[in-house]
Every structure is written in structure tokens, then in C-alpha cells.
């Protein structure tokens, strides 16, 4: 890939840029942030480690959306975190306004790019971008399930003592509280995880995964998680850049899959050079179906809030 733009030079955006640059996934990375000097400083800091990490990616930053020009992929990490006293609709309204400006810039300067959303609420912001751009759904998608799946796999490794390399976890649905843990599809070297961990401990792992971000925030107090979210984005970018056809949980626009239309939500999808190339339909049992429909209903409520703005 020639050029990737990351909008939002906060901790997630900066870490994402570093992961992508360190693996030489593209020739150029443009960082954009409304804070004066923030993007330039982040880009320069990463550029100065290139001799040590041995990459040739060129990084630069600024506040002008014109820096997006000719980008193949736009990654959006910009947005406000939820603060005390702020309702979900307040957060949605503010972040829709922020990302609408970014979408306008994208359509002006990089009309042939793909959009990868990281900002929250990621499901609704992905849906909003799909509607606003009018682009085909394979070009507009979001990150959530890769992070939740990575967190769950890490907790399984911590519980069992087995290698992370052998653990494959699958988390679908909305990000966070409404996530849908697919324990039947979660394995250690191909063996169902239930062969290694009893139900009570698995339930505890699922609950810890739901609250993964909150746990880190409570420990750090002055910062939410950024390393794992950035690495999750880089995993998706790697699949796209190298056309790996990887099956990763991705926020996708559904057109009848899993019984839902006109919604963006996390489902397993094939990621390759064209973006979100295919949605994989899984057989779900009654419990999984109920959890997924519940998650979808909550996302739809947020989409209704979006339409009322």
C-alpha cells in the first residue's frame, strides 16, 4: 500500500502509526489532528526511531485534511471519550459531528480510499459513514471484535498457562457490554476451550473481557487503553495491505446476514486488498442467537438516536 492516513494523533492514533510503520506496511503515513503541533510531533517522534526499527515508511503530520490526498486507507481514531455526566446520546452527537468533518475531508481529498473506524461508538459511526459517503460496504468498516477477541485470548492464556500462539478466540456483536462471546468457536490448538476451563471460570473471563477497557482505566487512572486497540487496528491493516484474506471480527454493514438489515455490527469477515471482502455466516445456538439479537437491538437504538440528530 502506498499511503495510509490516521486521523487523531492521540495515544491510539500514535501507537497505531508506530505499529504500522515498524512493519513497513506502507510507503507513507499522514497523521492529522486538530491540536496544533500534535500530529507533527507524533510523526517526527516515530520517524526518528526508523533507523533503530529498520523501516522506510515516511511519516508527517498536520491539521489540514488535504494531507489525506491519494490515501488508500483512512483510519479514524479521533473523538471524545465519555465523561462523567455525559449521556450516550451526548457522546454520539459530539463524535458524529467530529467524524462528519473527517468524512467530508475524505470525500474531497481521498474519494477512492477505504475507511476504518476506531472511534466510539464504533458501530454507529461506521453506519453513519456508510450512509454519508454512499460508498459500497466493503470500503467502510470498523474495529472492535479483534480487540475483544485478543483480550479474551490473553485471559485464557493467563488462566491455563498455555501459549498465546495456540489460542483463537471469537467475539462478535457490539463493542463492550453487549459483546457476544462465541465460546464454541474459541479453541486452544483447535480443541474447544471448554475442555480446559470450567464454566464458572469461563464466565469470569467473559466478564473480564467485557470490562477490559474499564479495568485498564481504573488501574492507570489517567489513561484508557491504547496499546491493545492500536495493535488490533494494525492486525486488520496487515490483512488488507498484504491481501491475506484473514477472517477477523469486523464491524460490517449487514444486508440480511444474521437476520439483520441496515445496521453495522461486529461479525466475522474476510479482510483483503479490497477491504471487507466477505461476511462469514456462523451457525449459532439459541443462546448465541439471543445474545446477538440483543446486541443488535441496542446498536439499532443508537442508530435511531443518530437519525434523530
C-alpha atoms as a PDB file:
ATOM      1  CA  UNK A   1       0.000   0.000   0.000  1.00  0.00           C
ATOM      2  CA  UNK A   2       1.290   3.454  -0.835  1.00  0.00           C
ATOM      3  CA  UNK A   3      -0.338   5.743   1.741  1.00  0.00           C
ATOM      4  CA  UNK A   4      -2.345   5.469   4.960  1.00  0.00           C
ATOM      5  CA  UNK A   5      -3.811   8.428   6.848  1.00  0.00           C
ATOM      6  CA  UNK A   6      -4.607   8.270  10.554  1.00  0.00           C
ATOM      7  CA  UNK A   7      -6.957  10.970  11.837  1.00  0.00           C
ATOM      8  CA  UNK A   8      -6.465  11.530  15.548  1.00  0.00           C
ATOM      9  CA  UNK A   9      -2.921  11.724  16.921  1.00  0.00           C
ATOM     10  CA  UNK A  10      -3.817  10.754  20.461  1.00  0.00           C
ATOM     11  CA  UNK A  11      -2.390   7.672  22.108  1.00  0.00           C
ATOM     12  CA  UNK A  12      -4.358   5.186  19.987  1.00  0.00           C
ATOM     13  CA  UNK A  13      -3.604   7.020  16.740  1.00  0.00           C
ATOM     14  CA  UNK A  14       0.078   7.488  17.521  1.00  0.00           C
ATOM     15  CA  UNK A  15       0.530   3.864  18.620  1.00  0.00           C
ATOM     16  CA  UNK A  16      -1.282   2.663  15.500  1.00  0.00           C
ATOM     17  CA  UNK A  17       1.072   4.704  13.338  1.00  0.00           C
ATOM     18  CA  UNK A  18       4.087   3.226  15.108  1.00  0.00           C
ATOM     19  CA  UNK A  19       2.880  -0.379  14.709  1.00  0.00           C
ATOM     20  CA  UNK A  20       2.125   0.136  11.012  1.00  0.00           C
ATOM     21  CA  UNK A  21       5.407   1.938  10.316  1.00  0.00           C
ATOM     22  CA  UNK A  22       7.505  -0.598  12.216  1.00  0.00           C
ATOM     23  CA  UNK A  23       6.230  -3.339   9.897  1.00  0.00           C
ATOM     24  CA  UNK A  24       6.720  -1.244   6.732  1.00  0.00           C
ATOM     25  CA  UNK A  25       3.096  -1.756   5.707  1.00  0.00           C
ATOM     26  CA  UNK A  26       3.042   1.342   3.502  1.00  0.00           C
ATOM     27  CA  UNK A  27       5.298   3.981   1.976  1.00  0.00           C
ATOM     28  CA  UNK A  28       3.717   6.991   3.720  1.00  0.00           C
ATOM     29  CA  UNK A  29       1.703   7.682   6.856  1.00  0.00           C
ATOM     30  CA  UNK A  30      -0.042  11.018   7.299  1.00  0.00           C
ATOM     31  CA  UNK A  31      -1.182  11.901  10.823  1.00  0.00           C
ATOM     32  CA  UNK A  32      -3.905  14.525  11.208  1.00  0.00           C
ATOM     33  CA  UNK A  33      -5.082  16.189  14.427  1.00  0.00           C
ATOM     34  CA  UNK A  34      -6.865  19.456  15.184  1.00  0.00           C
ATOM     35  CA  UNK A  35      -4.447  20.184  18.047  1.00  0.00           C
ATOM     36  CA  UNK A  36      -1.661  22.379  16.747  1.00  0.00           C
ATOM     37  CA  UNK A  37       1.629  20.509  16.578  1.00  0.00           C
ATOM     38  CA  UNK A  38       0.248  17.228  17.952  1.00  0.00           C
ATOM     39  CA  UNK A  39       0.309  15.305  14.690  1.00  0.00           C
ATOM     40  CA  UNK A  40       3.626  16.794  13.575  1.00  0.00           C
ATOM     41  CA  UNK A  41       5.248  15.914  16.878  1.00  0.00           C
ATOM     42  CA  UNK A  42       3.928  12.359  16.889  1.00  0.00           C
ATOM     43  CA  UNK A  43       5.040  11.791  13.295  1.00  0.00           C
ATOM     44  CA  UNK A  44       8.520  13.153  13.954  1.00  0.00           C
ATOM     45  CA  UNK A  45       8.930  11.091  17.106  1.00  0.00           C
ATOM     46  CA  UNK A  46       8.076   7.872  15.245  1.00  0.00           C
ATOM     47  CA  UNK A  47      10.239   8.840  12.254  1.00  0.00           C
ATOM     48  CA  UNK A  48      13.268   9.224  14.477  1.00  0.00           C
ATOM     49  CA  UNK A  49      13.160   5.550  15.517  1.00  0.00           C
ATOM     50  CA  UNK A  50      13.162   4.330  11.902  1.00  0.00           C
ATOM     51  CA  UNK A  51      16.923   3.575  11.880  1.00  0.00           C
ATOM     52  CA  UNK A  52      16.522   1.552  15.082  1.00  0.00           C
ATOM     53  CA  UNK A  53      13.459  -0.393  13.979  1.00  0.00           C
ATOM     54  CA  UNK A  54      14.703  -0.531  10.387  1.00  0.00           C
ATOM     55  CA  UNK A  55      11.700   0.774   8.450  1.00  0.00           C
ATOM     56  CA  UNK A  56      11.495   3.137   5.491  1.00  0.00           C
ATOM     57  CA  UNK A  57       7.948   4.438   5.935  1.00  0.00           C
ATOM     58  CA  UNK A  58       7.843   8.243   5.785  1.00  0.00           C
ATOM     59  CA  UNK A  59       5.658   9.980   8.366  1.00  0.00           C
ATOM     60  CA  UNK A  60       4.383  13.528   8.502  1.00  0.00           C
ATOM     61  CA  UNK A  61       1.557  15.336  10.254  1.00  0.00           C
ATOM     62  CA  UNK A  62      -0.617  18.414  10.390  1.00  0.00           C
ATOM     63  CA  UNK A  63      -4.139  19.733  10.796  1.00  0.00           C
ATOM     64  CA  UNK A  64      -5.128  20.103   7.143  1.00  0.00           C
ATOM     65  CA  UNK A  65      -7.338  17.398   5.641  1.00  0.00           C
ATOM     66  CA  UNK A  66      -5.511  17.981   2.367  1.00  0.00           C
ATOM     67  CA  UNK A  67      -2.804  15.726   3.850  1.00  0.00           C
ATOM     68  CA  UNK A  68      -5.182  12.825   3.098  1.00  0.00           C
ATOM     69  CA  UNK A  69      -4.671  13.270  -0.638  1.00  0.00           C
ATOM     70  CA  UNK A  70      -4.165   9.986  -2.504  1.00  0.00           C
ATOM     71  CA  UNK A  71      -4.533   7.848   0.640  1.00  0.00           C
ATOM     72  CA  UNK A  72      -5.528   4.232   0.116  1.00  0.00           C
ATOM     73  CA  UNK A  73      -6.854   3.835   3.663  1.00  0.00           C
ATOM     74  CA  UNK A  74      -8.147   6.336   6.241  1.00  0.00           C
ATOM     75  CA  UNK A  75      -8.094   5.187   9.888  1.00  0.00           C
ATOM     76  CA  UNK A  76     -10.267   7.307  12.187  1.00  0.00           C
ATOM     77  CA  UNK A  77      -9.318   7.328  15.873  1.00  0.00           C
ATOM     78  CA  UNK A  78     -10.433  10.912  16.580  1.00  0.00           C
ATOM     79  CA  UNK A  79     -13.270  11.607  19.000  1.00  0.00           C
ATOM     80  CA  UNK A  80     -14.157  12.406  22.582  1.00  0.00           C
ATOM     81  CA  UNK A  81     -14.225   9.826  25.373  1.00  0.00           C
ATOM     82  CA  UNK A  82     -17.352   9.619  27.504  1.00  0.00           C
ATOM     83  CA  UNK A  83     -17.042  11.889  30.551  1.00  0.00           C
ATOM     84  CA  UNK A  84     -18.943  11.986  33.864  1.00  0.00           C
ATOM     85  CA  UNK A  85     -22.425  13.434  33.366  1.00  0.00           C
ATOM     86  CA  UNK A  86     -22.347  12.836  29.621  1.00  0.00           C
ATOM     87  CA  UNK A  87     -25.116  10.624  28.252  1.00  0.00           C
ATOM     88  CA  UNK A  88     -24.600   8.121  25.447  1.00  0.00           C
ATOM     89  CA  UNK A  89     -26.585  10.407  23.138  1.00  0.00           C
ATOM     90  CA  UNK A  90     -24.338  13.352  24.107  1.00  0.00           C
ATOM     91  CA  UNK A  91     -21.247  11.341  23.199  1.00  0.00           C
ATOM     92  CA  UNK A  92     -22.839  10.162  19.984  1.00  0.00           C
ATOM     93  CA  UNK A  93     -23.806  13.681  18.927  1.00  0.00           C
ATOM     94  CA  UNK A  94     -20.339  15.076  19.575  1.00  0.00           C
ATOM     95  CA  UNK A  95     -18.460  12.270  17.864  1.00  0.00           C
ATOM     96  CA  UNK A  96     -20.793  12.214  14.877  1.00  0.00           C
ATOM     97  CA  UNK A  97     -20.075  15.932  14.384  1.00  0.00           C
ATOM     98  CA  UNK A  98     -16.324  15.319  14.655  1.00  0.00           C
ATOM     99  CA  UNK A  99     -16.303  12.357  12.278  1.00  0.00           C
ATOM    100  CA  UNK A 100     -18.648  14.043   9.789  1.00  0.00           C
ATOM    101  CA  UNK A 101     -15.957  16.674   9.228  1.00  0.00           C
ATOM    102  CA  UNK A 102     -13.418  13.909   8.684  1.00  0.00           C
ATOM    103  CA  UNK A 103     -15.734  12.135   6.245  1.00  0.00           C
ATOM    104  CA  UNK A 104     -16.183  15.376   4.292  1.00  0.00           C
ATOM    105  CA  UNK A 105     -12.403  15.731   4.089  1.00  0.00           C
ATOM    106  CA  UNK A 106     -12.056  12.128   2.978  1.00  0.00           C
ATOM    107  CA  UNK A 107     -14.612  12.515   0.209  1.00  0.00           C
ATOM    108  CA  UNK A 108     -12.852  15.646  -1.012  1.00  0.00           C
ATOM    109  CA  UNK A 109      -9.224  14.521  -0.864  1.00  0.00           C
ATOM    110  CA  UNK A 110      -9.305  10.699  -0.886  1.00  0.00           C
ATOM    111  CA  UNK A 111     -12.533   9.689  -2.630  1.00  0.00           C
ATOM    112  CA  UNK A 112     -11.170   6.278  -3.635  1.00  0.00           C
ATOM    113  CA  UNK A 113      -9.942   5.260  -0.187  1.00  0.00           C
ATOM    114  CA  UNK A 114     -11.295   2.829   2.393  1.00  0.00           C
ATOM    115  CA  UNK A 115     -12.483   3.944   5.851  1.00  0.00           C
ATOM    116  CA  UNK A 116     -11.603   2.047   9.026  1.00  0.00           C
ATOM    117  CA  UNK A 117     -13.328   3.362  12.156  1.00  0.00           C
ATOM    118  CA  UNK A 118     -11.896   3.032  15.653  1.00  0.00           C
ATOM    119  CA  UNK A 119     -13.680   5.958  17.357  1.00  0.00           C
ATOM    120  CA  UNK A 120     -16.638   5.152  19.607  1.00  0.00           C
ATOM    121  CA  UNK A 121     -19.458   4.323  19.438  1.00  0.00           C
ATOM    122  CA  UNK A 122     -17.783   2.456  16.589  1.00  0.00           C
ATOM    123  CA  UNK A 123     -20.838   0.580  15.286  1.00  0.00           C
ATOM    124  CA  UNK A 124     -22.923   3.739  14.853  1.00  0.00           C
ATOM    125  CA  UNK A 125     -20.085   5.860  13.481  1.00  0.00           C
ATOM    126  CA  UNK A 126     -19.330   3.169  10.904  1.00  0.00           C
ATOM    127  CA  UNK A 127     -23.003   3.081   9.912  1.00  0.00           C
ATOM    128  CA  UNK A 128     -23.112   6.884   9.689  1.00  0.00           C
ATOM    129  CA  UNK A 129     -20.076   6.951   7.380  1.00  0.00           C
ATOM    130  CA  UNK A 130     -21.612   4.273   5.157  1.00  0.00           C
ATOM    131  CA  UNK A 131     -24.771   6.357   4.763  1.00  0.00           C
ATOM    132  CA  UNK A 132     -22.983   9.698   4.398  1.00  0.00           C
ATOM    133  CA  UNK A 133     -20.466   8.543   1.786  1.00  0.00           C
ATOM    134  CA  UNK A 134     -22.802   6.299  -0.184  1.00  0.00           C
ATOM    135  CA  UNK A 135     -19.815   4.014  -0.735  1.00  0.00           C
ATOM    136  CA  UNK A 136     -20.154   0.235  -1.055  1.00  0.00           C
ATOM    137  CA  UNK A 137     -19.959  -1.542   2.278  1.00  0.00           C
ATOM    138  CA  UNK A 138     -16.650  -3.234   1.548  1.00  0.00           C
ATOM    139  CA  UNK A 139     -14.959   0.189   1.791  1.00  0.00           C
ATOM    140  CA  UNK A 140     -16.446   1.249   5.167  1.00  0.00           C
ATOM    141  CA  UNK A 141     -15.877  -0.912   8.251  1.00  0.00           C
ATOM    142  CA  UNK A 142     -14.787  -0.743  11.878  1.00  0.00           C
ATOM    143  CA  UNK A 143     -12.625  -2.311  14.568  1.00  0.00           C
ATOM    144  CA  UNK A 144     -13.957  -3.793  17.790  1.00  0.00           C
ATOM    145  CA  UNK A 145     -14.056  -7.584  17.771  1.00  0.00           C
ATOM    146  CA  UNK A 146     -10.328  -8.012  17.119  1.00  0.00           C
ATOM    147  CA  UNK A 147      -9.618  -6.141  20.351  1.00  0.00           C
ATOM    148  CA  UNK A 148     -12.234  -8.016  22.400  1.00  0.00           C
ATOM    149  CA  UNK A 149     -11.071 -11.352  20.969  1.00  0.00           C
ATOM    150  CA  UNK A 150      -7.441 -10.542  21.775  1.00  0.00           C
ATOM    151  CA  UNK A 151      -8.355  -9.622  25.332  1.00  0.00           C
ATOM    152  CA  UNK A 152     -10.294 -12.848  25.813  1.00  0.00           C
ATOM    153  CA  UNK A 153      -7.477 -14.945  24.325  1.00  0.00           C
ATOM    154  CA  UNK A 154      -4.989 -13.239  26.668  1.00  0.00           C
ATOM    155  CA  UNK A 155      -7.135 -14.030  29.715  1.00  0.00           C
ATOM    156  CA  UNK A 156      -7.469 -17.652  28.582  1.00  0.00           C
ATOM    157  CA  UNK A 157      -3.678 -17.910  28.274  1.00  0.00           C
ATOM    158  CA  UNK A 158      -3.278 -16.393  31.737  1.00  0.00           C
ATOM    159  CA  UNK A 159      -5.760 -18.884  33.196  1.00  0.00           C
ATOM    160  CA  UNK A 160      -4.391 -22.012  31.506  1.00  0.00           C
ATOM    161  CA  UNK A 161      -0.695 -21.169  31.243  1.00  0.00           C
ATOM    162  CA  UNK A 162      -0.754 -22.309  27.607  1.00  0.00           C
ATOM    163  CA  UNK A 163       0.810 -20.455  24.695  1.00  0.00           C
ATOM    164  CA  UNK A 164      -0.976 -17.448  23.254  1.00  0.00           C
ATOM    165  CA  UNK A 165       0.043 -18.773  19.835  1.00  0.00           C
ATOM    166  CA  UNK A 166      -2.345 -21.718  20.159  1.00  0.00           C
ATOM    167  CA  UNK A 167      -5.384 -19.752  21.346  1.00  0.00           C
ATOM    168  CA  UNK A 168      -8.054 -18.496  18.934  1.00  0.00           C
ATOM    169  CA  UNK A 169     -10.940 -16.525  20.420  1.00  0.00           C
ATOM    170  CA  UNK A 170     -14.016 -15.124  18.682  1.00  0.00           C
ATOM    171  CA  UNK A 171     -16.077 -12.192  19.965  1.00  0.00           C
ATOM    172  CA  UNK A 172     -18.876 -10.702  17.856  1.00  0.00           C
ATOM    173  CA  UNK A 173     -21.648  -8.131  18.293  1.00  0.00           C
ATOM    174  CA  UNK A 174     -21.350  -4.636  19.685  1.00  0.00           C
ATOM    175  CA  UNK A 175     -18.168  -3.473  21.377  1.00  0.00           C
ATOM    176  CA  UNK A 176     -18.010  -3.688  25.191  1.00  0.00           C
ATOM    177  CA  UNK A 177     -21.009  -4.529  27.357  1.00  0.00           C
ATOM    178  CA  UNK A 178     -23.043  -6.025  24.505  1.00  0.00           C
ATOM    179  CA  UNK A 179     -20.284  -8.173  23.042  1.00  0.00           C
ATOM    180  CA  UNK A 180     -21.170 -11.745  22.061  1.00  0.00           C
ATOM    181  CA  UNK A 181     -18.505 -14.250  23.180  1.00  0.00           C
ATOM    182  CA  UNK A 182     -18.512 -17.233  20.818  1.00  0.00           C
ATOM    183  CA  UNK A 183     -17.083 -19.787  23.229  1.00  0.00           C
ATOM    184  CA  UNK A 184     -17.977 -22.742  20.985  1.00  0.00           C
ATOM    185  CA  UNK A 185     -15.667 -21.241  18.357  1.00  0.00           C
ATOM    186  CA  UNK A 186     -12.906 -20.397  20.864  1.00  0.00           C
ATOM    187  CA  UNK A 187     -10.150 -23.012  20.857  1.00  0.00           C
ATOM    188  CA  UNK A 188      -6.703 -23.969  22.095  1.00  0.00           C
ATOM    189  CA  UNK A 189      -4.846 -25.661  19.240  1.00  0.00           C
ATOM    190  CA  UNK A 190      -8.208 -26.481  17.664  1.00  0.00           C
ATOM    191  CA  UNK A 191      -9.648 -28.004  20.866  1.00  0.00           C
ATOM    192  CA  UNK A 192     -12.730 -26.244  22.362  1.00  0.00           C
ATOM    193  CA  UNK A 193     -11.741 -24.071  25.306  1.00  0.00           C
ATOM    194  CA  UNK A 194     -14.381 -25.778  27.456  1.00  0.00           C
ATOM    195  CA  UNK A 195     -12.081 -28.826  27.550  1.00  0.00           C
ATOM    196  CA  UNK A 196      -9.576 -26.773  29.551  1.00  0.00           C
ATOM    197  CA  UNK A 197     -11.594 -24.290  31.644  1.00  0.00           C
ATOM    198  CA  UNK A 198     -14.806 -24.924  33.598  1.00  0.00           C
ATOM    199  CA  UNK A 199     -17.947 -22.867  33.047  1.00  0.00           C
ATOM    200  CA  UNK A 200     -17.601 -20.642  36.118  1.00  0.00           C
ATOM    201  CA  UNK A 201     -14.080 -19.605  35.200  1.00  0.00           C
ATOM    202  CA  UNK A 202     -15.084 -19.080  31.560  1.00  0.00           C
ATOM    203  CA  UNK A 203     -17.933 -16.845  32.714  1.00  0.00           C
ATOM    204  CA  UNK A 204     -15.417 -14.852  34.721  1.00  0.00           C
ATOM    205  CA  UNK A 205     -13.140 -14.498  31.693  1.00  0.00           C
ATOM    206  CA  UNK A 206     -16.067 -13.282  29.588  1.00  0.00           C
ATOM    207  CA  UNK A 207     -16.994 -10.692  32.214  1.00  0.00           C
ATOM    208  CA  UNK A 208     -13.409  -9.508  32.479  1.00  0.00           C
ATOM    209  CA  UNK A 209     -13.279  -9.178  28.695  1.00  0.00           C
ATOM    210  CA  UNK A 210     -16.449  -7.052  28.706  1.00  0.00           C
ATOM    211  CA  UNK A 211     -14.780  -4.697  31.166  1.00  0.00           C
ATOM    212  CA  UNK A 212     -11.285  -4.896  29.670  1.00  0.00           C
ATOM    213  CA  UNK A 213     -11.001  -1.209  28.856  1.00  0.00           C
ATOM    214  CA  UNK A 214     -12.526  -0.103  32.177  1.00  0.00           C
ATOM    215  CA  UNK A 215     -10.079  -2.312  34.109  1.00  0.00           C
ATOM    216  CA  UNK A 216      -7.088  -0.637  32.453  1.00  0.00           C
ATOM    217  CA  UNK A 217      -8.546   2.836  33.003  1.00  0.00           C
ATOM    218  CA  UNK A 218      -9.134   2.073  36.683  1.00  0.00           C
ATOM    219  CA  UNK A 219      -5.528   0.939  37.082  1.00  0.00           C
ATOM    220  CA  UNK A 220      -3.921   3.769  35.119  1.00  0.00           C
ATOM    221  CA  UNK A 221      -6.445   6.391  36.249  1.00  0.00           C
ATOM    222  CA  UNK A 222      -5.139   8.970  33.787  1.00  0.00           C
ATOM    223  CA  UNK A 223      -5.350   6.982  30.547  1.00  0.00           C
ATOM    224  CA  UNK A 224      -7.558   4.429  28.853  1.00  0.00           C
ATOM    225  CA  UNK A 225      -6.131   1.509  26.885  1.00  0.00           C
ATOM    226  CA  UNK A 226      -4.212   2.307  23.712  1.00  0.00           C
ATOM    227  CA  UNK A 227      -1.615  -0.418  23.094  1.00  0.00           C
ATOM    228  CA  UNK A 228      -4.054  -3.276  22.528  1.00  0.00           C
ATOM    229  CA  UNK A 229      -6.519  -1.158  20.496  1.00  0.00           C
ATOM    230  CA  UNK A 230      -3.695   0.080  18.256  1.00  0.00           C
ATOM    231  CA  UNK A 231      -2.295  -3.423  17.770  1.00  0.00           C
ATOM    232  CA  UNK A 232      -5.793  -4.629  16.852  1.00  0.00           C
ATOM    233  CA  UNK A 233      -6.088  -1.967  14.169  1.00  0.00           C
ATOM    234  CA  UNK A 234      -2.627  -2.873  12.852  1.00  0.00           C
ATOM    235  CA  UNK A 235      -3.716  -6.521  12.617  1.00  0.00           C
ATOM    236  CA  UNK A 236      -6.608  -5.515  10.362  1.00  0.00           C
ATOM    237  CA  UNK A 237      -4.385  -3.221   8.288  1.00  0.00           C
ATOM    238  CA  UNK A 238      -1.860  -6.026   7.812  1.00  0.00           C
ATOM    239  CA  UNK A 239      -4.615  -8.282   6.437  1.00  0.00           C
ATOM    240  CA  UNK A 240      -5.652  -5.581   3.955  1.00  0.00           C
ATOM    241  CA  UNK A 241      -2.179  -4.430   2.900  1.00  0.00           C
ATOM    242  CA  UNK A 242      -0.912  -7.942   2.224  1.00  0.00           C
ATOM    243  CA  UNK A 243      -4.236  -9.257   0.887  1.00  0.00           C
ATOM    244  CA  UNK A 244      -4.106 -12.108   3.404  1.00  0.00           C
ATOM    245  CA  UNK A 245      -7.851 -12.952   3.225  1.00  0.00           C
ATOM    246  CA  UNK A 246      -7.904 -13.244   7.003  1.00  0.00           C
ATOM    247  CA  UNK A 247     -11.140 -13.978   8.853  1.00  0.00           C
ATOM    248  CA  UNK A 248     -11.355 -11.342  11.590  1.00  0.00           C
ATOM    249  CA  UNK A 249     -14.297  -9.994  13.614  1.00  0.00           C
ATOM    250  CA  UNK A 250     -15.091  -6.687  11.937  1.00  0.00           C
ATOM    251  CA  UNK A 251     -17.804  -4.041  12.256  1.00  0.00           C
ATOM    252  CA  UNK A 252     -19.654  -4.507   8.968  1.00  0.00           C
ATOM    253  CA  UNK A 253     -22.813  -3.207   7.334  1.00  0.00           C
ATOM    254  CA  UNK A 254     -25.288  -6.087   7.297  1.00  0.00           C
ATOM    255  CA  UNK A 255     -27.595  -6.679   4.353  1.00  0.00           C
ATOM    256  CA  UNK A 256     -29.564  -9.629   5.669  1.00  0.00           C
ATOM    257  CA  UNK A 257     -26.736 -11.583   7.285  1.00  0.00           C
ATOM    258  CA  UNK A 258     -27.609 -12.910  10.735  1.00  0.00           C
ATOM    259  CA  UNK A 259     -31.186 -11.756  10.134  1.00  0.00           C
ATOM    260  CA  UNK A 260     -30.408  -8.035  10.207  1.00  0.00           C
ATOM    261  CA  UNK A 261     -30.533  -5.193   7.689  1.00  0.00           C
ATOM    262  CA  UNK A 262     -29.450  -1.545   7.800  1.00  0.00           C
ATOM    263  CA  UNK A 263     -27.095  -1.914  10.758  1.00  0.00           C
ATOM    264  CA  UNK A 264     -23.355  -2.012  11.475  1.00  0.00           C
ATOM    265  CA  UNK A 265     -22.179  -4.617  13.964  1.00  0.00           C
ATOM    266  CA  UNK A 266     -19.284  -6.988  14.614  1.00  0.00           C
ATOM    267  CA  UNK A 267     -19.323 -10.217  12.593  1.00  0.00           C
ATOM    268  CA  UNK A 268     -16.597 -12.473  11.172  1.00  0.00           C
ATOM    269  CA  UNK A 269     -15.400 -11.097   7.841  1.00  0.00           C
ATOM    270  CA  UNK A 270     -12.700 -11.714   5.264  1.00  0.00           C
ATOM    271  CA  UNK A 271     -10.247  -8.815   5.049  1.00  0.00           C
ATOM    272  CA  UNK A 272      -8.113  -8.384   1.940  1.00  0.00           C
ATOM    273  CA  UNK A 273      -6.880  -5.788  -0.534  1.00  0.00           C
ATOM    274  CA  UNK A 274     -10.443  -4.632  -1.269  1.00  0.00           C
ATOM    275  CA  UNK A 275     -11.276  -4.102   2.386  1.00  0.00           C
ATOM    276  CA  UNK A 276     -14.152  -6.071   3.882  1.00  0.00           C
ATOM    277  CA  UNK A 277     -14.488  -8.649   1.121  1.00  0.00           C
ATOM    278  CA  UNK A 278     -16.981 -11.131   2.567  1.00  0.00           C
ATOM    279  CA  UNK A 279     -19.076 -11.727   5.675  1.00  0.00           C
ATOM    280  CA  UNK A 280     -18.861 -15.241   7.125  1.00  0.00           C
ATOM    281  CA  UNK A 281     -22.150 -16.664   8.424  1.00  0.00           C
ATOM    282  CA  UNK A 282     -21.800 -18.823  11.527  1.00  0.00           C
ATOM    283  CA  UNK A 283     -24.300 -21.318  12.852  1.00  0.00           C
ATOM    284  CA  UNK A 284     -25.444 -20.026  16.236  1.00  0.00           C
ATOM    285  CA  UNK A 285     -27.228 -21.899  19.005  1.00  0.00           C
ATOM    286  CA  UNK A 286     -30.231 -20.408  20.781  1.00  0.00           C
ATOM    287  CA  UNK A 287     -28.170 -18.672  23.458  1.00  0.00           C
ATOM    288  CA  UNK A 288     -25.751 -17.135  20.950  1.00  0.00           C
ATOM    289  CA  UNK A 289     -28.629 -16.012  18.739  1.00  0.00           C
ATOM    290  CA  UNK A 290     -30.371 -14.345  21.680  1.00  0.00           C
ATOM    291  CA  UNK A 291     -27.177 -12.516  22.704  1.00  0.00           C
ATOM    292  CA  UNK A 292     -26.522 -11.379  19.141  1.00  0.00           C
ATOM    293  CA  UNK A 293     -30.073 -10.088  18.621  1.00  0.00           C
ATOM    294  CA  UNK A 294     -29.893  -8.267  21.963  1.00  0.00           C
ATOM    295  CA  UNK A 295     -26.611  -6.649  20.954  1.00  0.00           C
ATOM    296  CA  UNK A 296     -28.080  -5.675  17.581  1.00  0.00           C
ATOM    297  CA  UNK A 297     -31.176  -4.165  19.212  1.00  0.00           C
ATOM    298  CA  UNK A 298     -29.006  -1.860  21.333  1.00  0.00           C
ATOM    299  CA  UNK A 299     -26.978  -0.787  18.295  1.00  0.00           C
ATOM    300  CA  UNK A 300     -30.246  -0.063  16.469  1.00  0.00           C
ATOM    301  CA  UNK A 301     -31.332   2.177  19.337  1.00  0.00           C
ATOM    302  CA  UNK A 302     -28.159   4.198  18.858  1.00  0.00           C
ATOM    303  CA  UNK A 303     -28.786   4.325  15.112  1.00  0.00           C
ATOM    304  CA  UNK A 304     -32.267   5.697  15.875  1.00  0.00           C
ATOM    305  CA  UNK A 305     -30.594   8.363  18.034  1.00  0.00           C
ATOM    306  CA  UNK A 306     -28.298   9.137  15.118  1.00  0.00           C
ATOM    307  CA  UNK A 307     -31.221   9.548  12.729  1.00  0.00           C
ATOM    308  CA  UNK A 308     -32.894  11.931  15.205  1.00  0.00           C
ATOM    309  CA  UNK A 309     -29.859  14.247  15.390  1.00  0.00           C
END
